[in-house]
Protein backbone atom coordinates (compact mmCIF):
# COMPACT_ATOMS: atom_id res chain seq x y z
CA TYR A 1 -16.92 8.87 -1.31
CA SER A 2 -17.44 12.46 -2.34
CA HIS A 3 -14.71 15.06 -1.93
CA TYR A 4 -16.11 18.22 -0.27
CA SER A 5 -12.94 20.20 0.48
CA SER A 6 -9.21 19.72 0.70
CA TYR A 7 -9.31 17.43 3.71
CA LEU A 8 -12.99 16.59 4.31
CA PHE A 9 -14.54 13.45 2.86
CA GLU A 10 -18.04 12.03 3.10
CA ALA A 11 -18.76 8.34 2.84
CA ARG A 12 -22.00 6.36 2.92
CA LEU A 13 -21.92 2.89 4.37
CA ILE A 14 -24.71 0.75 2.95
CA TYR A 15 -25.37 -2.14 5.29
CA SER A 16 -28.47 -3.64 3.73
CA ASN A 17 -30.37 -3.68 0.47
CA VAL A 18 -33.80 -5.18 1.14
CA GLY A 19 -36.36 -5.06 -1.67
CA GLY A 20 -34.36 -2.40 -3.48
CA VAL A 21 -34.35 -0.09 -0.44
CA GLN A 22 -30.86 0.86 0.66
CA CYS A 23 -30.26 1.55 4.32
CA GLY A 24 -27.09 3.22 5.45
CA ASP A 25 -25.38 5.96 7.39
CA TYR A 26 -23.38 8.97 6.27
CA HIS A 27 -20.05 9.60 7.94
CA GLN A 28 -17.55 12.40 7.55
CA LEU A 29 -13.81 11.96 7.84
CA THR A 30 -11.28 14.76 8.23
CA LEU A 31 -7.65 14.09 7.35
CA SER A 32 -4.63 16.22 8.16
CA LEU A 33 -1.33 16.20 6.31
CA ASN A 34 0.25 14.40 9.28
CA ASP A 35 -2.09 11.46 8.65
CA LEU A 36 -0.83 11.13 5.07
CA GLU A 37 2.93 11.26 5.63
CA PRO A 38 4.70 7.89 5.49
CA THR A 39 6.61 6.81 8.54
CA LYS A 40 10.36 6.68 8.13
CA THR A 41 11.85 3.52 9.55
CA GLU A 42 15.13 1.83 8.87
CA ARG A 43 14.67 -1.51 7.18
CA LYS A 44 17.30 -4.14 6.70
CA LEU A 45 17.78 -6.37 3.69
CA ILE A 46 17.27 -10.01 4.64
CA LYS A 47 18.15 -11.58 1.31
CA ILE A 48 18.04 -11.28 -2.46
CA VAL A 49 16.36 -14.00 -4.52
CA ASP A 50 15.88 -14.54 -8.23
CA PHE A 51 12.47 -15.07 -9.80
CA MET A 52 12.79 -18.81 -9.18
CA GLY A 53 13.11 -18.17 -5.43
CA ARG A 54 16.80 -19.09 -5.22
CA GLU A 55 18.94 -16.96 -2.93
CA THR A 56 21.52 -15.01 -4.92
CA GLN A 57 23.71 -11.91 -4.87
CA PHE A 58 23.25 -8.71 -6.82
CA THR A 59 23.82 -9.22 -10.54
CA PRO A 60 23.37 -6.34 -13.00
CA ASN A 61 20.93 -6.79 -15.89
CA THR A 62 19.02 -9.46 -13.93
CA PRO A 63 15.54 -9.11 -12.39
CA LEU A 64 15.83 -9.73 -8.64
CA ILE A 65 13.56 -9.69 -5.59
CA TYR A 66 14.77 -7.94 -2.44
CA LEU A 67 13.24 -9.16 0.88
CA TYR A 68 13.37 -6.83 3.92
CA ASP A 69 12.94 -7.41 7.66
CA ASP A 70 9.74 -5.31 7.80
CA GLY A 71 7.98 -7.65 5.35
CA THR A 72 8.33 -5.45 2.28
CA ILE A 73 9.38 -6.92 -1.05
CA GLU A 74 10.88 -4.99 -3.95
CA LYS A 75 11.27 -6.28 -7.48
CA LYS A 76 14.31 -4.62 -9.03
CA TYR A 77 16.04 -4.60 -12.37
CA ILE A 78 19.25 -2.58 -12.41
CA GLY A 79 20.95 -2.39 -15.78
CA GLU A 80 24.47 -1.29 -16.60
């Protein structure tokens, strides 16, 4: 895509390439700041596992994987 102004983008969708001739359409997309702000939801920790997949509790100086109810996963290393 090409950036034309702060919030206006142009994209070309190429849907065929026959004999070296590209066919496509140009589309413009306008974004507002509201479209870019992340949603704030409360997530709950389901469990903590080590890198072998074994459920564990928080242990400092150990790489751990935190699994949340919204499907997100965080890899954390918290040192002392």
